[in-house]
Amino acid sequence: GKMKPVGVTSDERLKGIDVPTLKEQGIDVSIGNWRGIYG
């Protein structure tokens, strides 16, 4: 409860996480993050 989530940048709600998407709130934004490894 130290932070209040108000939106996620996914197209659909994340599994097991009750946070509305930005799109649900009328904000047409979706962007993902990814991580990888370089040699």
Full PDB file with SEQRES, HELIX, SHEET, SSBOND, CRYST1, ORIGX, SCALE, CONECT and MASTER records, all heavy atoms in Angstrom:
SEQRES   1 A   39  GLY LYS MET LYS PRO VAL GLY VAL THR SER ASP GLU ARG          
SEQRES   2 A   39  LEU LYS GLY ILE ASP VAL PRO THR LEU LYS GLU GLN GLY          
SEQRES   3 A   39  ILE ASP VAL SER ILE GLY ASN TRP ARG GLY ILE TYR GLY          
HELIX    1 AA1 LYS A   23  GLN A   25  5                                   3    
CRYST1    1.000    1.000    1.000  90.00  90.00  90.00 P 1           1          
ORIGX1      1.000000  0.000000  0.000000        0.00000                         
ORIGX2      0.000000  1.000000  0.000000        0.00000                         
ORIGX3      0.000000  0.000000  1.000000        0.00000                         
SCALE1      1.000000  0.000000  0.000000        0.00000                         
SCALE2      0.000000  1.000000  0.000000        0.00000                         
SCALE3      0.000000  0.000000  1.000000        0.00000                         
ATOM      1  N   GLY A   1       0.783  -1.233   0.000  1.00  0.00           N  
ATOM      2  CA  GLY A   1       0.000   0.000   0.000  1.00  0.00           C  
ATOM      3  C   GLY A   1       0.811   1.277   0.000  1.00  0.00           C  
ATOM      4  O   GLY A   1       0.261   2.367   0.169  1.00  0.00           O  
ATOM      5  N   LYS A   2       2.123   1.172  -0.207  1.00  0.00           N  
ATOM      6  CA  LYS A   2       2.966   2.368  -0.232  1.00  0.00           C  
ATOM      7  C   LYS A   2       2.917   3.076  -1.586  1.00  0.00           C  
ATOM      8  O   LYS A   2       3.314   4.240  -1.702  1.00  0.00           O  
ATOM      9  CB  LYS A   2       4.409   2.000   0.121  1.00  0.00           C  
ATOM     10  CG  LYS A   2       4.568   1.504   1.557  1.00  0.00           C  
ATOM     11  CD  LYS A   2       6.000   1.124   1.854  1.00  0.00           C  
ATOM     12  CE  LYS A   2       6.140   0.626   3.293  1.00  0.00           C  
ATOM     13  NZ  LYS A   2       7.541   0.215   3.591  1.00  0.00           N  
ATOM     14  N   MET A   3       2.456   2.361  -2.604  1.00  0.00           N  
ATOM     15  CA  MET A   3       2.258   2.936  -3.932  1.00  0.00           C  
ATOM     16  C   MET A   3       0.884   2.521  -4.446  1.00  0.00           C  
ATOM     17  O   MET A   3       0.443   1.398  -4.189  1.00  0.00           O  
ATOM     18  CB  MET A   3       3.330   2.448  -4.919  1.00  0.00           C  
ATOM     19  CG  MET A   3       4.733   2.898  -4.642  1.00  0.00           C  
ATOM     20  SD  MET A   3       5.871   2.243  -5.902  1.00  0.00           S  
ATOM     21  CE  MET A   3       7.443   2.866  -5.299  1.00  0.00           C  
ATOM     22  N   LYS A   4       0.230   3.429  -5.168  1.00  0.00           N  
ATOM     23  CA  LYS A   4      -1.077   3.124  -5.743  1.00  0.00           C  
ATOM     24  C   LYS A   4      -0.947   3.017  -7.264  1.00  0.00           C  
ATOM     25  O   LYS A   4      -0.640   4.005  -7.926  1.00  0.00           O  
ATOM     26  CB  LYS A   4      -2.088   4.216  -5.392  1.00  0.00           C  
ATOM     27  CG  LYS A   4      -3.459   4.007  -6.031  1.00  0.00           C  
ATOM     28  CD  LYS A   4      -4.431   5.101  -5.632  1.00  0.00           C  
ATOM     29  CE  LYS A   4      -5.759   4.982  -6.376  1.00  0.00           C  
ATOM     30  NZ  LYS A   4      -6.400   3.659  -6.184  1.00  0.00           N  
ATOM     31  N   PRO A   5      -1.136   1.832  -7.840  1.00  0.00           N  
ATOM     32  CA  PRO A   5      -1.033   1.688  -9.296  1.00  0.00           C  
ATOM     33  C   PRO A   5      -2.252   2.290  -9.990  1.00  0.00           C  
ATOM     34  O   PRO A   5      -3.389   2.084  -9.568  1.00  0.00           O  
ATOM     35  CB  PRO A   5      -0.987   0.168  -9.494  1.00  0.00           C  
ATOM     36  CG  PRO A   5      -1.754  -0.373  -8.322  1.00  0.00           C  
ATOM     37  CD  PRO A   5      -1.471   0.557  -7.174  1.00  0.00           C  
ATOM     38  N   VAL A   6      -2.002   3.049 -11.059  1.00  0.00           N  
ATOM     39  CA  VAL A   6      -3.124   3.714 -11.749  1.00  0.00           C  
ATOM     40  C   VAL A   6      -3.186   3.401 -13.246  1.00  0.00           C  
ATOM     41  O   VAL A   6      -4.071   3.886 -13.942  1.00  0.00           O  
ATOM     42  CB  VAL A   6      -3.065   5.240 -11.540  1.00  0.00           C  
ATOM     43  CG1 VAL A   6      -3.349   5.593 -10.089  1.00  0.00           C  
ATOM     44  CG2 VAL A   6      -1.720   5.815 -11.985  1.00  0.00           C  
ATOM     45  N   GLY A   7      -2.271   2.578 -13.753  1.00  0.00           N  
ATOM     46  CA  GLY A   7      -2.351   2.212 -15.169  1.00  0.00           C  
ATOM     47  C   GLY A   7      -1.166   1.406 -15.635  1.00  0.00           C  
ATOM     48  O   GLY A   7      -0.049   1.614 -15.153  1.00  0.00           O  
ATOM     49  N   VAL A   8      -1.412   0.468 -16.542  1.00  0.00           N  
ATOM     50  CA  VAL A   8      -0.335  -0.308 -17.151  1.00  0.00           C  
ATOM     51  C   VAL A   8      -0.330  -0.069 -18.652  1.00  0.00           C  
ATOM     52  O   VAL A   8      -1.359   0.271 -19.251  1.00  0.00           O  
ATOM     53  CB  VAL A   8      -0.462  -1.828 -16.868  1.00  0.00           C  
ATOM     54  CG1 VAL A   8      -0.246  -2.115 -15.398  1.00  0.00           C  
ATOM     55  CG2 VAL A   8      -1.807  -2.356 -17.314  1.00  0.00           C  
ATOM     56  N   THR A   9       0.828  -0.255 -19.268  1.00  0.00           N  
ATOM     57  CA  THR A   9       0.995   0.070 -20.686  1.00  0.00           C  
ATOM     58  C   THR A   9       0.731  -1.111 -21.610  1.00  0.00           C  
ATOM     59  O   THR A   9       1.144  -1.103 -22.767  1.00  0.00           O  
ATOM     60  CB  THR A   9       2.416   0.612 -20.941  1.00  0.00           C  
ATOM     61  OG1 THR A   9       3.370  -0.421 -20.606  1.00  0.00           O  
ATOM     62  CG2 THR A   9       2.692   1.852 -20.107  1.00  0.00           C  
ATOM     63  N   SER A  10       0.058  -2.130 -21.111  1.00  0.00           N  
ATOM     64  CA  SER A  10      -0.256  -3.310 -21.920  1.00  0.00           C  
ATOM     65  C   SER A  10      -1.584  -3.129 -22.660  1.00  0.00           C  
ATOM     66  O   SER A  10      -2.382  -2.241 -22.333  1.00  0.00           O  
ATOM     67  CB  SER A  10      -0.338  -4.545 -21.022  1.00  0.00           C  
ATOM     68  OG  SER A  10      -1.227  -4.314 -19.946  1.00  0.00           O  
ATOM     69  N   ASP A  11      -1.830  -3.974 -23.656  1.00  0.00           N  
ATOM     70  CA  ASP A  11      -3.093  -3.925 -24.392  1.00  0.00           C  
ATOM     71  C   ASP A  11      -4.229  -4.499 -23.561  1.00  0.00           C  
ATOM     72  O   ASP A  11      -5.382  -4.070 -23.675  1.00  0.00           O  
ATOM     73  CB  ASP A  11      -2.976  -4.707 -25.709  1.00  0.00           C  
ATOM     74  CG  ASP A  11      -2.132  -3.970 -26.732  1.00  0.00           C  
ATOM     75  OD1 ASP A  11      -2.320  -2.748 -26.891  1.00  0.00           O  
ATOM     76  OD2 ASP A  11      -1.277  -4.609 -27.362  1.00  0.00           O  
ATOM     77  N   GLU A  12      -3.907  -5.493 -22.728  1.00  0.00           N  
ATOM     78  CA  GLU A  12      -4.901  -6.120 -21.859  1.00  0.00           C  
ATOM     79  C   GLU A  12      -4.354  -6.171 -20.436  1.00  0.00           C  
ATOM     80  O   GLU A  12      -3.139  -6.078 -20.227  1.00  0.00           O  
ATOM     81  CB  GLU A  12      -5.208  -7.548 -22.339  1.00  0.00           C  
ATOM     82  CG  GLU A  12      -5.779  -7.613 -23.752  1.00  0.00           C  
ATOM     83  CD  GLU A  12      -6.000  -9.044 -24.207  1.00  0.00           C  
ATOM     84  OE1 GLU A  12      -5.588  -9.967 -23.471  1.00  0.00           O  
ATOM     85  OE2 GLU A  12      -6.566  -9.235 -25.293  1.00  0.00           O  
ATOM     86  N   ARG A  13      -5.231  -6.305 -19.458  1.00  0.00           N  
ATOM     87  CA  ARG A  13      -4.791  -6.366 -18.067  1.00  0.00           C  
ATOM     88  C   ARG A  13      -3.805  -7.518 -17.865  1.00  0.00           C  
ATOM     89  O   ARG A  13      -3.960  -8.582 -18.451  1.00  0.00           O  
ATOM     90  CB  ARG A  13      -5.989  -6.539 -17.130  1.00  0.00           C  
ATOM     91  CG  ARG A  13      -6.858  -5.299 -17.037  1.00  0.00           C  
ATOM     92  CD  ARG A  13      -7.715  -5.317 -15.792  1.00  0.00           C  
ATOM     93  NE  ARG A  13      -8.595  -4.162 -15.737  1.00  0.00           N  
ATOM     94  CZ  ARG A  13      -9.156  -3.703 -14.623  1.00  0.00           C  
ATOM     95  NH1 ARG A  13      -8.933  -4.331 -13.473  1.00  0.00           N  
ATOM     96  NH2 ARG A  13      -9.938  -2.637 -14.643  1.00  0.00           N  
ATOM     97  N   LEU A  14      -2.809  -7.263 -17.032  1.00  0.00           N  
ATOM     98  CA  LEU A  14      -1.822  -8.290 -16.747  1.00  0.00           C  
ATOM     99  C   LEU A  14      -2.431  -9.371 -15.865  1.00  0.00           C  
ATOM    100  O   LEU A  14      -3.215  -9.087 -14.965  1.00  0.00           O  
ATOM    101  CB  LEU A  14      -0.606  -7.672 -16.052  1.00  0.00           C  
ATOM    102  CG  LEU A  14       0.107  -6.543 -16.820  1.00  0.00           C  
ATOM    103  CD1 LEU A  14       1.273  -6.022 -15.995  1.00  0.00           C  
ATOM    104  CD2 LEU A  14       0.579  -7.026 -18.174  1.00  0.00           C  
ATOM    105  N   LYS A  15      -2.043 -10.605 -16.129  1.00  0.00           N  
ATOM    106  CA  LYS A  15      -2.580 -11.743 -15.389  1.00  0.00           C  
ATOM    107  C   LYS A  15      -2.282 -11.628 -13.899  1.00  0.00           C  
ATOM    108  O   LYS A  15      -1.137 -11.442 -13.491  1.00  0.00           O  
ATOM    109  CB  LYS A  15      -1.985 -13.045 -15.950  1.00  0.00           C  
ATOM    110  CG  LYS A  15      -2.546 -14.303 -15.308  1.00  0.00           C  
ATOM    111  CD  LYS A  15      -1.917 -15.541 -15.944  1.00  0.00           C  
ATOM    112  CE  LYS A  15      -2.449 -16.815 -15.291  1.00  0.00           C  
ATOM    113  NZ  LYS A  15      -1.814 -18.026 -15.873  1.00  0.00           N  
ATOM    114  N   GLY A  16      -3.331 -11.718 -13.100  1.00  0.00           N  
ATOM    115  CA  GLY A  16      -3.169 -11.701 -11.654  1.00  0.00           C  
ATOM    116  C   GLY A  16      -2.900 -10.333 -11.060  1.00  0.00           C  
ATOM    117  O   GLY A  16      -2.630 -10.215  -9.867  1.00  0.00           O  
ATOM    118  N   ILE A  17      -2.954  -9.292 -11.891  1.00  0.00           N  
ATOM    119  CA  ILE A  17      -2.670  -7.933 -11.414  1.00  0.00           C  
ATOM    120  C   ILE A  17      -3.868  -7.043 -11.735  1.00  0.00           C  
ATOM    121  O   ILE A  17      -4.155  -6.779 -12.904  1.00  0.00           O  
ATOM    122  CB  ILE A  17      -1.391  -7.365 -12.074  1.00  0.00           C  
ATOM    123  CG1 ILE A  17      -0.191  -8.272 -11.756  1.00  0.00           C  
ATOM    124  CG2 ILE A  17      -1.126  -5.954 -11.608  1.00  0.00           C  
ATOM    125  CD1 ILE A  17       1.064  -7.934 -12.527  1.00  0.00           C  
ATOM    126  N   ASP A  18      -4.543  -6.580 -10.716  1.00  0.00           N  
ATOM    127  CA  ASP A  18      -5.777  -5.823 -10.906  1.00  0.00           C  
ATOM    128  C   ASP A  18      -5.482  -4.330 -11.089  1.00  0.00           C  
ATOM    129  O   ASP A  18      -5.745  -3.510 -10.216  1.00  0.00           O  
ATOM    130  CB  ASP A  18      -6.715  -6.035  -9.710  1.00  0.00           C  
ATOM    131  CG  ASP A  18      -8.083  -5.395  -9.942  1.00  0.00           C  
ATOM    132  OD1 ASP A  18      -8.461  -5.234 -11.112  1.00  0.00           O  
ATOM    133  OD2 ASP A  18      -8.757  -5.058  -8.942  1.00  0.00           O  
ATOM    134  N   VAL A  19      -4.893  -4.012 -12.235  1.00  0.00           N  
ATOM    135  CA  VAL A  19      -4.595  -2.621 -12.575  1.00  0.00           C  
ATOM    136  C   VAL A  19      -5.131  -2.351 -13.981  1.00  0.00           C  
ATOM    137  O   VAL A  19      -4.829  -3.106 -14.910  1.00  0.00           O  
ATOM    138  CB  VAL A  19      -3.068  -2.354 -12.547  1.00  0.00           C  
ATOM    139  CG1 VAL A  19      -2.786  -0.878 -12.833  1.00  0.00           C  
ATOM    140  CG2 VAL A  19      -2.472  -2.764 -11.209  1.00  0.00           C  
ATOM    141  N   PRO A  20      -5.933  -1.304 -14.161  1.00  0.00           N  
ATOM    142  CA  PRO A  20      -6.493  -1.033 -15.479  1.00  0.00           C  
ATOM    143  C   PRO A  20      -5.430  -0.589 -16.488  1.00  0.00           C  
ATOM    144  O   PRO A  20      -4.440   0.052 -16.110  1.00  0.00           O  
ATOM    145  CB  PRO A  20      -7.495   0.100 -15.222  1.00  0.00           C  
ATOM    146  CG  PRO A  20      -6.967   0.783 -13.997  1.00  0.00           C  
ATOM    147  CD  PRO A  20      -6.368  -0.308 -13.164  1.00  0.00           C  
ATOM    148  N   THR A  21      -5.616  -0.950 -17.732  1.00  0.00           N  
ATOM    149  CA  THR A  21      -4.706  -0.496 -18.776  1.00  0.00           C  
ATOM    150  C   THR A  21      -4.997   0.971 -19.086  1.00  0.00           C  
ATOM    151  O   THR A  21      -6.062   1.505 -18.759  1.00  0.00           O  
ATOM    152  CB  THR A  21      -4.887  -1.311 -20.065  1.00  0.00           C  
ATOM    153  OG1 THR A  21      -6.184  -1.038 -20.612  1.00  0.00           O  
ATOM    154  CG2 THR A  21      -4.755  -2.799 -19.799  1.00  0.00           C  
ATOM    155  N   LEU A  22      -4.035   1.621 -19.719  1.00  0.00           N  
ATOM    156  CA  LEU A  22      -4.253   3.001 -20.155  1.00  0.00           C  
ATOM    157  C   LEU A  22      -5.374   3.049 -21.188  1.00  0.00           C  
ATOM    158  O   LEU A  22      -6.194   3.970 -21.186  1.00  0.00           O  
ATOM    159  CB  LEU A  22      -2.954   3.571 -20.728  1.00  0.00           C  
ATOM    160  CG  LEU A  22      -1.798   3.751 -19.737  1.00  0.00           C  
ATOM    161  CD1 LEU A  22      -0.536   4.180 -20.466  1.00  0.00           C  
ATOM    162  CD2 LEU A  22      -2.156   4.752 -18.641  1.00  0.00           C  
ATOM    163  N   LYS A  23      -5.405   2.038 -22.055  1.00  0.00           N  
ATOM    164  CA  LYS A  23      -6.435   2.001 -23.094  1.00  0.00           C  
ATOM    165  C   LYS A  23      -7.832   1.909 -22.491  1.00  0.00           C  
ATOM    166  O   LYS A  23      -8.780   2.510 -23.008  1.00  0.00           O  
ATOM    167  CB  LYS A  23      -6.173   0.837 -24.053  1.00  0.00           C  
ATOM    168  CG  LYS A  23      -4.993   1.068 -24.987  1.00  0.00           C  
ATOM    169  CD  LYS A  23      -4.927   0.024 -26.076  1.00  0.00           C  
ATOM    170  CE  LYS A  23      -3.882   0.390 -27.119  1.00  0.00           C  
ATOM    171  NZ  LYS A  23      -3.854  -0.567 -28.253  1.00  0.00           N  
ATOM    172  N   GLU A  24      -7.976   1.150 -21.417  1.00  0.00           N  
ATOM    173  CA  GLU A  24      -9.265   1.064 -20.723  1.00  0.00           C  
ATOM    174  C   GLU A  24      -9.735   2.435 -20.262  1.00  0.00           C  
ATOM    175  O   GLU A  24     -10.929   2.701 -20.158  1.00  0.00           O  
ATOM    176  CB  GLU A  24      -9.136   0.178 -19.471  1.00  0.00           C  
ATOM    177  CG  GLU A  24      -9.244  -1.304 -19.687  1.00  0.00           C  
ATOM    178  CD  GLU A  24      -9.163  -2.026 -18.354  1.00  0.00           C  
ATOM    179  OE1 GLU A  24     -10.108  -1.882 -17.549  1.00  0.00           O  
ATOM    180  OE2 GLU A  24      -8.164  -2.710 -18.104  1.00  0.00           O  
ATOM    181  N   GLN A  25      -8.769   3.301 -19.978  1.00  0.00           N  
ATOM    182  CA  GLN A  25      -9.078   4.617 -19.429  1.00  0.00           C  
ATOM    183  C   GLN A  25      -9.151   5.691 -20.512  1.00  0.00           C  
ATOM    184  O   GLN A  25      -9.126   6.891 -20.212  1.00  0.00           O  
ATOM    185  CB  GLN A  25      -8.024   4.978 -18.375  1.00  0.00           C  
ATOM    186  CG  GLN A  25      -7.948   3.954 -17.245  1.00  0.00           C  
ATOM    187  CD  GLN A  25      -6.855   4.274 -16.247  1.00  0.00           C  
ATOM    188  OE1 GLN A  25      -6.951   5.240 -15.490  1.00  0.00           O  
ATOM    189  NE2 GLN A  25      -5.805   3.461 -16.225  1.00  0.00           N  
ATOM    190  N   GLY A  26      -9.231   5.237 -21.759  1.00  0.00           N  
ATOM    191  CA  GLY A  26      -9.390   6.177 -22.867  1.00  0.00           C  
ATOM    192  C   GLY A  26      -8.104   6.813 -23.343  1.00  0.00           C  
ATOM    193  O   GLY A  26      -8.135   7.797 -24.086  1.00  0.00           O  
ATOM    194  N   ILE A  27      -6.964   6.269 -22.909  1.00  0.00           N  
ATOM    195  CA  ILE A  27      -5.658   6.793 -23.338  1.00  0.00           C  
ATOM    196  C   ILE A  27      -5.032   5.765 -24.274  1.00  0.00           C  
ATOM    197  O   ILE A  27      -4.611   4.694 -23.825  1.00  0.00           O  
ATOM    198  CB  ILE A  27      -4.744   7.051 -22.124  1.00  0.00           C  
ATOM    199  CG1 ILE A  27      -5.432   7.986 -21.127  1.00  0.00           C  
ATOM    200  CG2 ILE A  27      -3.409   7.637 -22.569  1.00  0.00           C  
ATOM    201  CD1 ILE A  27      -4.719   8.085 -19.793  1.00  0.00           C  
ATOM    202  N   ASP A  28      -4.972   6.055 -25.537  1.00  0.00           N  
ATOM    203  CA  ASP A  28      -4.553   5.075 -26.540  1.00  0.00           C  
ATOM    204  C   ASP A  28      -3.031   4.934 -26.574  1.00  0.00           C  
ATOM    205  O   ASP A  28      -2.360   5.403 -27.497  1.00  0.00           O  
ATOM    206  CB  ASP A  28      -5.089   5.484 -27.919  1.00  0.00           C  
ATOM    207  CG  ASP A  28      -4.880   4.377 -28.952  1.00  0.00           C  
ATOM    208  OD1 ASP A  28      -4.626   3.229 -28.545  1.00  0.00           O  
ATOM    209  OD2 ASP A  28      -4.962   4.672 -30.167  1.00  0.00           O  
ATOM    210  N   VAL A  29      -2.495   4.294 -25.548  1.00  0.00           N  
ATOM    211  CA  VAL A  29      -1.053   4.094 -25.417  1.00  0.00           C  
ATOM    212  C   VAL A  29      -0.775   2.654 -25.018  1.00  0.00           C  
ATOM    213  O   VAL A  29      -1.381   2.132 -24.074  1.00  0.00           O  
ATOM    214  CB  VAL A  29      -0.441   5.052 -24.367  1.00  0.00           C  
ATOM    215  CG1 VAL A  29       1.000   4.653 -24.054  1.00  0.00           C  
ATOM    216  CG2 VAL A  29      -0.490   6.487 -24.859  1.00  0.00           C  
ATOM    217  N   SER A  30       0.130   2.016 -25.731  1.00  0.00           N  
ATOM    218  CA  SER A  30       0.580   0.672 -25.398  1.00  0.00           C  
ATOM    219  C   SER A  30       2.048   0.566 -25.773  1.00  0.00           C  
ATOM    220  O   SER A  30       2.430   0.855 -26.914  1.00  0.00           O  
ATOM    221  CB  SER A  30      -0.232  -0.378 -26.163  1.00  0.00           C  
ATOM    222  OG  SER A  30       0.292  -1.677 -25.924  1.00  0.00           O  
ATOM    223  N   ILE A  31       2.879   0.194 -24.816  1.00  0.00           N  
ATOM    224  CA  ILE A  31       4.311   0.040 -25.092  1.00  0.00           C  
ATOM    225  C   ILE A  31       4.890  -0.980 -24.118  1.00  0.00           C  
ATOM    226  O   ILE A  31       4.592  -0.963 -22.927  1.00  0.00           O  
ATOM    227  CB  ILE A  31       5.061   1.394 -24.983  1.00  0.00           C  
ATOM    228  CG1 ILE A  31       6.552   1.208 -25.302  1.00  0.00           C  
ATOM    229  CG2 ILE A  31       4.855   2.044 -23.630  1.00  0.00           C  
ATOM    230  CD1 ILE A  31       7.315   2.521 -25.422  1.00  0.00           C  
ATOM    231  N   GLY A  32       5.694  -1.894 -24.631  1.00  0.00           N  
ATOM    232  CA  GLY A  32       6.278  -2.941 -23.806  1.00  0.00           C  
ATOM    233  C   GLY A  32       7.762  -2.740 -23.578  1.00  0.00           C  
ATOM    234  O   GLY A  32       8.421  -1.975 -24.290  1.00  0.00           O  
ATOM    235  N   ASN A  33       8.271  -3.410 -22.584  1.00  0.00           N  
ATOM    236  CA  ASN A  33       9.688  -3.402 -22.271  1.00  0.00           C  
ATOM    237  C   ASN A  33      10.220  -4.821 -22.458  1.00  0.00           C  
ATOM    238  O   ASN A  33       9.472  -5.776 -22.320  1.00  0.00           O  
ATOM    239  CB  ASN A  33       9.898  -2.944 -20.825  1.00  0.00           C  
ATOM    240  CG  ASN A  33      11.340  -2.592 -20.522  1.00  0.00           C  
ATOM    241  OD1 ASN A  33      12.195  -2.604 -21.396  1.00  0.00           O  
ATOM    242  ND2 ASN A  33      11.623  -2.279 -19.280  1.00  0.00           N  
ATOM    243  N   TRP A  34      11.456  -4.970 -22.781  1.00  0.00           N  
ATOM    244  CA  TRP A  34      12.069  -6.293 -22.893  1.00  0.00           C  
ATOM    245  C   TRP A  34      13.518  -6.185 -22.436  1.00  0.00           C  
ATOM    246  O   TRP A  34      14.098  -5.099 -22.454  1.00  0.00           O  
ATOM    247  CB  TRP A  34      11.986  -6.842 -24.322  1.00  0.00           C  
ATOM    248  CG  TRP A  34      12.580  -5.934 -25.360  1.00  0.00           C  
ATOM    249  CD1 TRP A  34      11.914  -4.987 -26.106  1.00  0.00           C  
ATOM    250  CD2 TRP A  34      13.960  -5.854 -25.775  1.00  0.00           C  
ATOM    251  NE1 TRP A  34      12.796  -4.330 -26.934  1.00  0.00           N  
ATOM    252  CE2 TRP A  34      14.052  -4.850 -26.760  1.00  0.00           C  
ATOM    253  CE3 TRP A  34      15.113  -6.545 -25.404  1.00  0.00           C  
ATOM    254  CZ2 TRP A  34      15.257  -4.497 -27.371  1.00  0.00           C  
ATOM    255  CZ3 TRP A  34      16.324  -6.210 -26.003  1.00  0.00           C  
ATOM    256  CH2 TRP A  34      16.366  -5.195 -26.982  1.00  0.00           C  
ATOM    257  N   ARG A  35      14.077  -7.317 -22.049  1.00  0.00           N  
ATOM    258  CA  ARG A  35      15.470  -7.341 -21.598  1.00  0.00           C  
ATOM    259  C   ARG A  35      16.200  -8.506 -22.237  1.00  0.00           C  
ATOM    260  O   ARG A  35      15.617  -9.561 -22.479  1.00  0.00           O  
ATOM    261  CB  ARG A  35      15.528  -7.450 -20.072  1.00  0.00           C  
ATOM    262  CG  ARG A  35      14.885  -6.250 -19.371  1.00  0.00           C  
ATOM    263  CD  ARG A  35      15.086  -6.258 -17.874  1.00  0.00           C  
ATOM    264  NE  ARG A  35      14.405  -5.105 -17.286  1.00  0.00           N  
ATOM    265  CZ  ARG A  35      13.301  -5.168 -16.574  1.00  0.00           C  
ATOM    266  NH1 ARG A  35      12.740  -6.350 -16.344  1.00  0.00           N  
ATOM    267  NH2 ARG A  35      12.747  -4.079 -16.086  1.00  0.00           N  
ATOM    268  N   GLY A  36      17.470  -8.291 -22.513  1.00  0.00           N  
ATOM    269  CA  GLY A  36      18.259  -9.329 -23.168  1.00  0.00           C  
ATOM    270  C   GLY A  36      19.693  -9.333 -22.674  1.00  0.00           C  
ATOM    271  O   GLY A  36      20.065  -8.618 -21.744  1.00  0.00           O  
ATOM    272  N   ILE A  37      20.504 -10.165 -23.321  1.00  0.00           N  
ATOM    273  CA  ILE A  37      21.907 -10.331 -22.951  1.00  0.00           C  
ATOM    274  C   ILE A  37      22.784 -10.206 -24.195  1.00  0.00           C  
ATOM    275  O   ILE A  37      22.473 -10.779 -25.241  1.00  0.00           O  
ATOM    276  CB  ILE A  37      22.152 -11.719 -22.317  1.00  0.00           C  
ATOM    277  CG1 ILE A  37      21.377 -11.880 -21.010  1.00  0.00           C  
ATOM    278  CG2 ILE A  37      23.646 -11.960 -22.082  1.00  0.00           C  
ATOM    279  CD1 ILE A  37      21.965 -11.164 -19.820  1.00  0.00           C  
ATOM    280  N   TYR A  38      23.858  -9.452 -24.057  1.00  0.00           N  
ATOM    281  CA  TYR A  38      24.868  -9.339 -25.111  1.00  0.00           C  
ATOM    282  C   TYR A  38      26.178  -9.942 -24.634  1.00  0.00           C  
ATOM    283  O   TYR A  38      26.457  -9.972 -23.430  1.00  0.00           O  
ATOM    284  CB  TYR A  38      25.102  -7.871 -25.478  1.00  0.00           C  
ATOM    285  CG  TYR A  38      24.302  -7.384 -26.680  1.00  0.00           C  
ATOM    286  CD1 TYR A  38      22.923  -7.501 -26.707  1.00  0.00           C  
ATOM    287  CD2 TYR A  38      24.928  -6.823 -27.774  1.00  0.00           C  
ATOM    288  CE1 TYR A  38      22.189  -7.054 -27.797  1.00  0.00           C  
ATOM    289  CE2 TYR A  38      24.207  -6.368 -28.875  1.00  0.00           C  
ATOM    290  CZ  TYR A  38      22.842  -6.488 -28.883  1.00  0.00           C  
ATOM    291  OH  TYR A  38      22.124  -6.052 -29.970  1.00  0.00           O  
ATOM    292  N   GLY A  39      26.973 -10.408 -25.600  1.00  0.00           N  
ATOM    293  CA  GLY A  39      28.314 -10.876 -25.321  1.00  0.00           C  
ATOM    294  C   GLY A  39      29.325  -9.823 -25.727  1.00  0.00           C  
ATOM    295  O   GLY A  39      28.983  -8.779 -26.294  1.00  0.00           O  
TER     296      GLY A  39                                                      
MASTER        0    0    0    1    0    0    0    6  295    1    0    3          
END                                                                             
